[in-house]
Amino acid sequence: EGALSYKRCLRFVVGKVYNRDLWTNKPFVVWCLAMAVGRFGYMEPHFHLVNHVRSLLPDVPASILVTIMAGTSGVSKLVFGLVSDLLRNYRIFLQQGALFAYGVILLFLPLCSNFVGFVVMAVCLGLSDALIMVLFGPNVVDLVGPGRTSQAFGFMSLLSIPGFLSAPAITGRLHDHLHDYDAGFYLAGAVSVIASAILLGVRRPKRELQPRSPESHPKEATGDCEVGSSEQRPSRPVTNDNENPSTYNSHGVILQCTKL
């Protein structure tokens, strides 16, 4: 009995952790894969941007670039939160565009040679980062529904760990061999662009696109008239003195009224 109870408990825990319904949801799996790949290049400017600028421009306050990037991201999240509510049917596309922009900026970072250009790129990185981060929660809800949001977000975070941990080490090793950060920025930018391309496999959630039909509204009662079934409206309703008259609304729904 103890072994049987242990197996039942283990089966229950595995079923809850694995959650087959989530992993058979193709749009969610593709989205998780794209986010995991995109996380590889996400931390590159946070780790190596300051050292890269100092190696090119030793006399400028390079550390302020991280502050500019973080401040821009924090303020922009308030704005992009409202934008995502207004464009809720296009949240996947917004996140895809932000990932693409993030990758392109990283690709162009090694080509910049003046401090003003680095400030502009830091602002653009902050804007892209804000849009990527603010859409994580809404996109999870759109893809799996509100009842499974916490577990789905946990799965996505778990898949992102390898990219978070490996990217700084890989780009740092490239710097040790090549003695510059250009290769690391090129690699991180290319990976972010690839992640945005993977998101092409995710379509807009169908439940966001289907408008409510008149027949989906609940049954309503007004006085002595009750909304019945949505039958086709005949060309000429036939009534007699022994039957209750019938009227119709604009959707062809019969309004059966009690004859007084």
C-alpha atoms as a PDB file:
ATOM      1  CA  GLU A   1       0.000   0.000   0.000  1.00  0.00           C
ATOM      2  CA  GLY A   2       2.871   2.374   0.761  1.00  0.00           C
ATOM      3  CA  ALA A   3       4.475   1.754  -2.633  1.00  0.00           C
ATOM      4  CA  LEU A   4       1.123   2.208  -4.359  1.00  0.00           C
ATOM      5  CA  SER A   5       0.525   5.504  -2.569  1.00  0.00           C
ATOM      6  CA  TYR A   6       4.035   6.628  -3.493  1.00  0.00           C
ATOM      7  CA  LYS A   7       3.425   5.833  -7.168  1.00  0.00           C
ATOM      8  CA  ARG A   8       0.109   7.668  -7.132  1.00  0.00           C
ATOM      9  CA  CYS A   9       1.714  10.693  -5.510  1.00  0.00           C
ATOM     10  CA  LEU A  10       4.580  10.618  -8.014  1.00  0.00           C
ATOM     11  CA  ARG A  11       2.146  10.282 -10.924  1.00  0.00           C
ATOM     12  CA  PHE A  12       0.133  13.215  -9.607  1.00  0.00           C
ATOM     13  CA  VAL A  13       3.221  15.427  -9.209  1.00  0.00           C
ATOM     14  CA  VAL A  14       4.575  14.515 -12.655  1.00  0.00           C
ATOM     15  CA  GLY A  15       1.182  15.181 -14.211  1.00  0.00           C
ATOM     16  CA  LYS A  16       0.992  18.586 -12.584  1.00  0.00           C
ATOM     17  CA  VAL A  17       4.561  19.549 -13.492  1.00  0.00           C
ATOM     18  CA  TYR A  18       4.540  18.187 -17.021  1.00  0.00           C
ATOM     19  CA  ASN A  19       1.047  19.433 -17.941  1.00  0.00           C
ATOM     20  CA  ARG A  20       0.649  17.758 -21.313  1.00  0.00           C
ATOM     21  CA  ASP A  21      -1.952  20.315 -22.394  1.00  0.00           C
ATOM     22  CA  LEU A  22       0.671  23.073 -22.369  1.00  0.00           C
ATOM     23  CA  TRP A  23       3.304  21.156 -24.308  1.00  0.00           C
ATOM     24  CA  THR A  24       0.808  20.092 -26.970  1.00  0.00           C
ATOM     25  CA  ASN A  25      -0.104  23.752 -27.502  1.00  0.00           C
ATOM     26  CA  LYS A  26       2.014  24.425 -30.600  1.00  0.00           C
ATOM     27  CA  PRO A  27       1.841  28.264 -30.526  1.00  0.00           C
ATOM     28  CA  PHE A  28       2.943  28.281 -26.892  1.00  0.00           C
ATOM     29  CA  VAL A  29       5.837  25.878 -27.556  1.00  0.00           C
ATOM     30  CA  VAL A  30       7.050  27.974 -30.502  1.00  0.00           C
ATOM     31  CA  TRP A  31       6.771  31.142 -28.420  1.00  0.00           C
ATOM     32  CA  CYS A  32       8.760  29.555 -25.568  1.00  0.00           C
ATOM     33  CA  LEU A  33      11.458  28.479 -28.019  1.00  0.00           C
ATOM     34  CA  ALA A  34      11.695  31.990 -29.464  1.00  0.00           C
ATOM     35  CA  MET A  35      11.933  33.575 -26.021  1.00  0.00           C
ATOM     36  CA  ALA A  36      14.593  31.070 -24.914  1.00  0.00           C
ATOM     37  CA  VAL A  37      16.690  31.801 -28.006  1.00  0.00           C
ATOM     38  CA  GLY A  38      16.186  35.552 -27.672  1.00  0.00           C
ATOM     39  CA  ARG A  39      17.406  35.498 -24.071  1.00  0.00           C
ATOM     40  CA  PHE A  40      20.872  34.547 -25.321  1.00  0.00           C
ATOM     41  CA  GLY A  41      21.525  38.042 -26.618  1.00  0.00           C
ATOM     42  CA  TYR A  42      19.440  39.914 -24.062  1.00  0.00           C
ATOM     43  CA  MET A  43      22.171  40.383 -21.440  1.00  0.00           C
ATOM     44  CA  GLU A  44      25.018  41.226 -23.826  1.00  0.00           C
ATOM     45  CA  PRO A  45      24.767  45.058 -23.572  1.00  0.00           C
ATOM     46  CA  HIS A  46      24.262  44.874 -19.805  1.00  0.00           C
ATOM     47  CA  PHE A  47      27.545  42.995 -19.349  1.00  0.00           C
ATOM     48  CA  HIS A  48      29.839  44.302 -22.070  1.00  0.00           C
ATOM     49  CA  LEU A  49      28.570  47.643 -23.381  1.00  0.00           C
ATOM     50  CA  VAL A  50      30.431  49.721 -20.786  1.00  0.00           C
ATOM     51  CA  ASN A  51      33.751  47.930 -21.329  1.00  0.00           C
ATOM     52  CA  HIS A  52      33.315  48.160 -25.089  1.00  0.00           C
ATOM     53  CA  VAL A  53      32.804  51.934 -24.947  1.00  0.00           C
ATOM     54  CA  ARG A  54      35.707  52.400 -22.518  1.00  0.00           C
ATOM     55  CA  SER A  55      38.020  50.535 -24.862  1.00  0.00           C
ATOM     56  CA  LEU A  56      37.091  52.922 -27.692  1.00  0.00           C
ATOM     57  CA  LEU A  57      36.530  56.170 -25.766  1.00  0.00           C
ATOM     58  CA  PRO A  58      38.496  56.105 -22.490  1.00  0.00           C
ATOM     59  CA  ASP A  59      37.608  59.685 -21.499  1.00  0.00           C
ATOM     60  CA  VAL A  60      33.781  59.433 -21.611  1.00  0.00           C
ATOM     61  CA  PRO A  61      31.478  58.379 -18.724  1.00  0.00           C
ATOM     62  CA  ALA A  62      30.603  55.003 -20.228  1.00  0.00           C
ATOM     63  CA  SER A  63      28.811  53.694 -17.135  1.00  0.00           C
ATOM     64  CA  ILE A  64      25.983  56.195 -17.640  1.00  0.00           C
ATOM     65  CA  LEU A  65      24.868  54.222 -20.710  1.00  0.00           C
ATOM     66  CA  VAL A  66      23.492  51.427 -18.536  1.00  0.00           C
ATOM     67  CA  THR A  67      21.590  54.007 -16.471  1.00  0.00           C
ATOM     68  CA  ILE A  68      20.130  55.537 -19.632  1.00  0.00           C
ATOM     69  CA  MET A  69      19.109  52.125 -20.904  1.00  0.00           C
ATOM     70  CA  ALA A  70      17.468  51.107 -17.622  1.00  0.00           C
ATOM     71  CA  GLY A  71      15.710  54.465 -17.147  1.00  0.00           C
ATOM     72  CA  THR A  72      14.335  54.445 -20.680  1.00  0.00           C
ATOM     73  CA  SER A  73      13.100  50.900 -20.217  1.00  0.00           C
ATOM     74  CA  GLY A  74      11.367  51.690 -16.920  1.00  0.00           C
ATOM     75  CA  VAL A  75       9.505  54.741 -18.213  1.00  0.00           C
ATOM     76  CA  SER A  76       8.619  53.120 -21.532  1.00  0.00           C
ATOM     77  CA  LYS A  77       6.978  50.139 -19.851  1.00  0.00           C
ATOM     78  CA  LEU A  78       4.189  52.411 -18.604  1.00  0.00           C
ATOM     79  CA  VAL A  79       3.506  53.628 -22.136  1.00  0.00           C
ATOM     80  CA  PHE A  80       3.849  50.247 -23.825  1.00  0.00           C
ATOM     81  CA  GLY A  81       1.473  48.717 -21.289  1.00  0.00           C
ATOM     82  CA  LEU A  82      -1.274  51.018 -22.543  1.00  0.00           C
ATOM     83  CA  VAL A  83      -0.278  50.362 -26.158  1.00  0.00           C
ATOM     84  CA  SER A  84      -0.533  46.599 -25.650  1.00  0.00           C
ATOM     85  CA  ASP A  85      -4.052  47.024 -24.260  1.00  0.00           C
ATOM     86  CA  LEU A  86      -5.103  49.038 -27.302  1.00  0.00           C
ATOM     87  CA  LEU A  87      -3.449  46.615 -29.758  1.00  0.00           C
ATOM     88  CA  ARG A  88      -4.218  43.394 -27.909  1.00  0.00           C
ATOM     89  CA  ASN A  89      -4.736  41.446 -31.153  1.00  0.00           C
ATOM     90  CA  TYR A  90      -1.187  42.275 -32.257  1.00  0.00           C
ATOM     91  CA  ARG A  91       0.837  41.606 -29.109  1.00  0.00           C
ATOM     92  CA  ILE A  92       2.821  38.776 -30.678  1.00  0.00           C
ATOM     93  CA  PHE A  93       3.761  41.017 -33.598  1.00  0.00           C
ATOM     94  CA  LEU A  94       4.800  43.820 -31.242  1.00  0.00           C
ATOM     95  CA  GLN A  95       7.101  41.502 -29.326  1.00  0.00           C
ATOM     96  CA  GLN A  96       8.472  40.109 -32.558  1.00  0.00           C
ATOM     97  CA  GLY A  97       9.265  43.595 -33.832  1.00  0.00           C
ATOM     98  CA  ALA A  98      10.930  44.514 -30.538  1.00  0.00           C
ATOM     99  CA  LEU A  99      13.141  41.416 -30.680  1.00  0.00           C
ATOM    100  CA  PHE A 100      14.119  42.217 -34.252  1.00  0.00           C
ATOM    101  CA  ALA A 101      14.946  45.825 -33.358  1.00  0.00           C
ATOM    102  CA  TYR A 102      16.988  44.685 -30.347  1.00  0.00           C
ATOM    103  CA  GLY A 103      19.039  42.379 -32.547  1.00  0.00           C
ATOM    104  CA  VAL A 104      19.616  44.996 -35.245  1.00  0.00           C
ATOM    105  CA  ILE A 105      20.835  47.526 -32.653  1.00  0.00           C
ATOM    106  CA  LEU A 106      23.307  44.981 -31.272  1.00  0.00           C
ATOM    107  CA  LEU A 107      24.559  44.313 -34.800  1.00  0.00           C
ATOM    108  CA  PHE A 108      25.212  48.019 -35.341  1.00  0.00           C
ATOM    109  CA  LEU A 109      26.879  48.644 -31.965  1.00  0.00           C
ATOM    110  CA  PRO A 110      30.396  47.688 -33.148  1.00  0.00           C
ATOM    111  CA  LEU A 111      30.062  50.184 -36.009  1.00  0.00           C
ATOM    112  CA  CYS A 112      29.501  53.144 -33.676  1.00  0.00           C
ATOM    113  CA  SER A 113      32.521  55.283 -32.809  1.00  0.00           C
ATOM    114  CA  ASN A 114      31.204  58.366 -30.934  1.00  0.00           C
ATOM    115  CA  PHE A 115      29.549  58.800 -27.550  1.00  0.00           C
ATOM    116  CA  VAL A 116      26.382  60.462 -28.882  1.00  0.00           C
ATOM    117  CA  GLY A 117      25.762  57.443 -31.077  1.00  0.00           C
ATOM    118  CA  PHE A 118      26.151  55.134 -28.089  1.00  0.00           C
ATOM    119  CA  VAL A 119      23.636  57.226 -26.122  1.00  0.00           C
ATOM    120  CA  VAL A 120      21.107  56.956 -28.960  1.00  0.00           C
ATOM    121  CA  MET A 121      21.631  53.204 -29.140  1.00  0.00           C
ATOM    122  CA  ALA A 122      21.221  52.904 -25.366  1.00  0.00           C
ATOM    123  CA  VAL A 123      17.861  54.685 -25.623  1.00  0.00           C
ATOM    124  CA  CYS A 124      16.769  52.395 -28.468  1.00  0.00           C
ATOM    125  CA  LEU A 125      17.857  49.325 -26.509  1.00  0.00           C
ATOM    126  CA  GLY A 126      15.817  50.532 -23.536  1.00  0.00           C
ATOM    127  CA  LEU A 127      12.726  50.998 -25.699  1.00  0.00           C
ATOM    128  CA  SER A 128      13.072  47.537 -27.238  1.00  0.00           C
ATOM    129  CA  ASP A 129      13.731  45.957 -23.853  1.00  0.00           C
ATOM    130  CA  ALA A 130      10.611  47.580 -22.383  1.00  0.00           C
ATOM    131  CA  LEU A 131       8.371  46.291 -25.165  1.00  0.00           C
ATOM    132  CA  ILE A 132       9.805  42.778 -24.936  1.00  0.00           C
ATOM    133  CA  MET A 133       9.419  42.551 -21.168  1.00  0.00           C
ATOM    134  CA  VAL A 134       5.990  44.163 -20.831  1.00  0.00           C
ATOM    135  CA  LEU A 135       4.441  41.683 -23.285  1.00  0.00           C
ATOM    136  CA  PHE A 136       5.559  38.493 -21.540  1.00  0.00           C
ATOM    137  CA  GLY A 137       2.517  38.273 -19.279  1.00  0.00           C
ATOM    138  CA  PRO A 138      -0.164  39.292 -21.815  1.00  0.00           C
ATOM    139  CA  ASN A 139       1.211  36.918 -24.453  1.00  0.00           C
ATOM    140  CA  VAL A 140       1.206  33.995 -22.019  1.00  0.00           C
ATOM    141  CA  VAL A 141      -2.436  34.705 -21.177  1.00  0.00           C
ATOM    142  CA  ASP A 142      -3.342  34.970 -24.857  1.00  0.00           C
ATOM    143  CA  LEU A 143      -1.634  31.677 -25.720  1.00  0.00           C
ATOM    144  CA  VAL A 144      -2.654  29.403 -22.834  1.00  0.00           C
ATOM    145  CA  GLY A 145      -5.501  31.191 -21.079  1.00  0.00           C
ATOM    146  CA  PRO A 146      -5.617  32.777 -17.620  1.00  0.00           C
ATOM    147  CA  GLY A 147      -5.936  29.473 -15.748  1.00  0.00           C
ATOM    148  CA  ARG A 148      -2.472  28.214 -16.710  1.00  0.00           C
ATOM    149  CA  THR A 149      -0.533  31.460 -16.813  1.00  0.00           C
ATOM    150  CA  SER A 150       1.703  30.856 -13.778  1.00  0.00           C
ATOM    151  CA  GLN A 151       2.862  27.416 -14.860  1.00  0.00           C
ATOM    152  CA  ALA A 152       3.354  28.508 -18.477  1.00  0.00           C
ATOM    153  CA  PHE A 153       5.434  31.493 -17.395  1.00  0.00           C
ATOM    154  CA  GLY A 154       7.502  29.189 -15.190  1.00  0.00           C
ATOM    155  CA  PHE A 155       8.185  26.855 -18.112  1.00  0.00           C
ATOM    156  CA  MET A 156       9.282  29.783 -20.259  1.00  0.00           C
ATOM    157  CA  SER A 157      11.622  31.037 -17.534  1.00  0.00           C
ATOM    158  CA  LEU A 158      13.083  27.544 -17.116  1.00  0.00           C
ATOM    159  CA  LEU A 159      13.870  27.302 -20.828  1.00  0.00           C
ATOM    160  CA  SER A 160      15.513  30.739 -20.727  1.00  0.00           C
ATOM    161  CA  ILE A 161      18.092  29.759 -18.095  1.00  0.00           C
ATOM    162  CA  PRO A 162      20.645  28.201 -20.517  1.00  0.00           C
ATOM    163  CA  GLY A 163      20.716  31.341 -22.654  1.00  0.00           C
ATOM    164  CA  PHE A 164      21.043  33.616 -19.636  1.00  0.00           C
ATOM    165  CA  LEU A 165      23.960  31.631 -18.206  1.00  0.00           C
ATOM    166  CA  SER A 166      25.858  30.776 -21.381  1.00  0.00           C
ATOM    167  CA  ALA A 167      25.748  34.054 -23.328  1.00  0.00           C
ATOM    168  CA  PRO A 168      28.028  36.169 -21.073  1.00  0.00           C
ATOM    169  CA  ALA A 169      30.546  33.326 -20.784  1.00  0.00           C
ATOM    170  CA  ILE A 170      30.636  32.707 -24.546  1.00  0.00           C
ATOM    171  CA  THR A 171      30.968  36.360 -25.498  1.00  0.00           C
ATOM    172  CA  GLY A 172      33.571  36.861 -22.766  1.00  0.00           C
ATOM    173  CA  ARG A 173      35.614  33.973 -24.141  1.00  0.00           C
ATOM    174  CA  LEU A 174      35.379  35.501 -27.615  1.00  0.00           C
ATOM    175  CA  HIS A 175      36.774  38.741 -26.184  1.00  0.00           C
ATOM    176  CA  ASP A 176      39.689  36.868 -24.611  1.00  0.00           C
ATOM    177  CA  HIS A 177      40.615  35.343 -27.966  1.00  0.00           C
ATOM    178  CA  LEU A 178      39.877  38.315 -30.258  1.00  0.00           C
ATOM    179  CA  HIS A 179      40.611  41.159 -27.801  1.00  0.00           C
ATOM    180  CA  ASP A 180      37.432  43.080 -28.695  1.00  0.00           C
ATOM    181  CA  TYR A 181      33.691  42.825 -28.093  1.00  0.00           C
ATOM    182  CA  ASP A 182      32.618  43.071 -31.731  1.00  0.00           C
ATOM    183  CA  ALA A 183      32.164  39.327 -32.247  1.00  0.00           C
ATOM    184  CA  GLY A 184      30.043  39.053 -29.093  1.00  0.00           C
ATOM    185  CA  PHE A 185      27.709  41.831 -30.221  1.00  0.00           C
ATOM    186  CA  TYR A 186      27.421  40.328 -33.704  1.00  0.00           C
ATOM    187  CA  LEU A 187      26.589  36.920 -32.251  1.00  0.00           C
ATOM    188  CA  ALA A 188      24.034  38.290 -29.777  1.00  0.00           C
ATOM    189  CA  GLY A 189      22.381  40.434 -32.446  1.00  0.00           C
ATOM    190  CA  ALA A 190      22.148  37.555 -34.912  1.00  0.00           C
ATOM    191  CA  VAL A 191      20.572  35.302 -32.270  1.00  0.00           C
ATOM    192  CA  SER A 192      17.957  37.961 -31.428  1.00  0.00           C
ATOM    193  CA  VAL A 193      17.051  38.327 -35.101  1.00  0.00           C
ATOM    194  CA  ILE A 194      16.710  34.535 -35.365  1.00  0.00           C
ATOM    195  CA  ALA A 195      14.405  34.563 -32.321  1.00  0.00           C
ATOM    196  CA  SER A 196      12.176  37.144 -33.998  1.00  0.00           C
ATOM    197  CA  ALA A 197      12.036  34.922 -37.097  1.00  0.00           C
ATOM    198  CA  ILE A 198      10.951  31.941 -34.968  1.00  0.00           C
ATOM    199  CA  LEU A 199       7.960  33.984 -33.799  1.00  0.00           C
ATOM    200  CA  LEU A 200       6.632  33.840 -37.363  1.00  0.00           C
ATOM    201  CA  GLY A 201       5.325  30.410 -36.370  1.00  0.00           C
ATOM    202  CA  VAL A 202       2.981  31.944 -33.777  1.00  0.00           C
ATOM    203  CA  ARG A 203      -0.300  33.307 -35.033  1.00  0.00           C
ATOM    204  CA  ARG A 204      -2.673  35.595 -33.252  1.00  0.00           C
ATOM    205  CA  PRO A 205      -4.851  33.715 -30.753  1.00  0.00           C
ATOM    206  CA  LYS A 206      -8.163  32.844 -32.411  1.00  0.00           C
ATOM    207  CA  ARG A 207     -10.175  33.625 -29.312  1.00  0.00           C
ATOM    208  CA  GLU A 208      -9.004  37.240 -29.536  1.00  0.00           C
ATOM    209  CA  LEU A 209     -10.175  37.541 -33.130  1.00  0.00           C
ATOM    210  CA  GLN A 210     -13.662  36.051 -32.976  1.00  0.00           C
ATOM    211  CA  PRO A 211     -16.347  38.684 -32.329  1.00  0.00           C
ATOM    212  CA  ARG A 212     -19.341  37.757 -30.268  1.00  0.00           C
ATOM    213  CA  SER A 213     -22.299  36.768 -32.380  1.00  0.00           C
ATOM    214  CA  PRO A 214     -25.828  37.895 -31.504  1.00  0.00           C
ATOM    215  CA  GLU A 215     -26.794  34.263 -30.873  1.00  0.00           C
ATOM    216  CA  SER A 216     -24.125  33.967 -28.152  1.00  0.00           C
ATOM    217  CA  HIS A 217     -25.880  36.473 -25.890  1.00  0.00           C
ATOM    218  CA  PRO A 218     -27.853  34.961 -23.023  1.00  0.00           C
ATOM    219  CA  LYS A 219     -31.600  34.679 -23.126  1.00  0.00           C
ATOM    220  CA  GLU A 220     -33.299  37.934 -22.222  1.00  0.00           C
ATOM    221  CA  ALA A 221     -36.821  38.534 -20.951  1.00  0.00           C
ATOM    222  CA  THR A 222     -38.684  41.812 -21.275  1.00  0.00           C
ATOM    223  CA  GLY A 223     -42.162  42.083 -19.789  1.00  0.00           C
ATOM    224  CA  ASP A 224     -44.334  39.396 -21.354  1.00  0.00           C
ATOM    225  CA  CYS A 225     -41.938  38.851 -24.285  1.00  0.00           C
ATOM    226  CA  GLU A 226     -39.190  36.235 -24.194  1.00  0.00           C
ATOM    227  CA  VAL A 227     -36.348  35.809 -26.656  1.00  0.00           C
ATOM    228  CA  GLY A 228     -36.610  32.311 -28.029  1.00  0.00           C
ATOM    229  CA  SER A 229     -34.645  30.328 -30.577  1.00  0.00           C
ATOM    230  CA  SER A 230     -33.016  32.007 -33.582  1.00  0.00           C
ATOM    231  CA  GLU A 231     -35.223  30.593 -36.334  1.00  0.00           C
ATOM    232  CA  GLN A 232     -35.403  31.985 -39.838  1.00  0.00           C
ATOM    233  CA  ARG A 233     -37.878  34.770 -40.274  1.00  0.00           C
ATOM    234  CA  PRO A 234     -40.714  33.641 -42.578  1.00  0.00           C
ATOM    235  CA  SER A 235     -41.883  35.844 -45.399  1.00  0.00           C
ATOM    236  CA  ARG A 236     -45.335  36.315 -43.840  1.00  0.00           C
ATOM    237  CA  PRO A 237     -45.986  35.134 -40.276  1.00  0.00           C
ATOM    238  CA  VAL A 238     -49.187  33.126 -40.138  1.00  0.00           C
ATOM    239  CA  THR A 239     -51.358  33.731 -37.111  1.00  0.00           C
ATOM    240  CA  ASN A 240     -54.973  33.141 -36.251  1.00  0.00           C
ATOM    241  CA  ASP A 241     -57.252  34.051 -33.438  1.00  0.00           C
ATOM    242  CA  ASN A 242     -56.397  30.886 -31.490  1.00  0.00           C
ATOM    243  CA  GLU A 243     -52.609  31.325 -31.585  1.00  0.00           C
ATOM    244  CA  ASN A 244     -50.357  33.866 -30.010  1.00  0.00           C
ATOM    245  CA  PRO A 245     -48.945  36.389 -32.478  1.00  0.00           C
ATOM    246  CA  SER A 246     -45.193  36.343 -33.116  1.00  0.00           C
ATOM    247  CA  THR A 247     -42.892  39.268 -33.752  1.00  0.00           C
ATOM    248  CA  TYR A 248     -39.262  39.347 -34.856  1.00  0.00           C
ATOM    249  CA  ASN A 249     -36.258  41.468 -34.049  1.00  0.00           C
ATOM    250  CA  SER A 250     -33.524  42.648 -36.463  1.00  0.00           C
ATOM    251  CA  HIS A 251     -31.614  39.337 -36.136  1.00  0.00           C
ATOM    252  CA  GLY A 252     -34.591  37.200 -37.069  1.00  0.00           C
ATOM    253  CA  VAL A 253     -35.077  35.993 -33.494  1.00  0.00           C
ATOM    254  CA  ILE A 254     -38.664  35.130 -32.620  1.00  0.00           C
ATOM    255  CA  LEU A 255     -40.125  37.171 -29.807  1.00  0.00           C
ATOM    256  CA  GLN A 256     -42.946  35.025 -28.403  1.00  0.00           C
ATOM    257  CA  CYS A 257     -45.426  37.249 -26.620  1.00  0.00           C
ATOM    258  CA  THR A 258     -48.225  36.180 -24.380  1.00  0.00           C
ATOM    259  CA  LYS A 259     -51.571  37.137 -25.822  1.00  0.00           C
ATOM    260  CA  LEU A 260     -53.580  39.247 -23.404  1.00  0.00           C
END
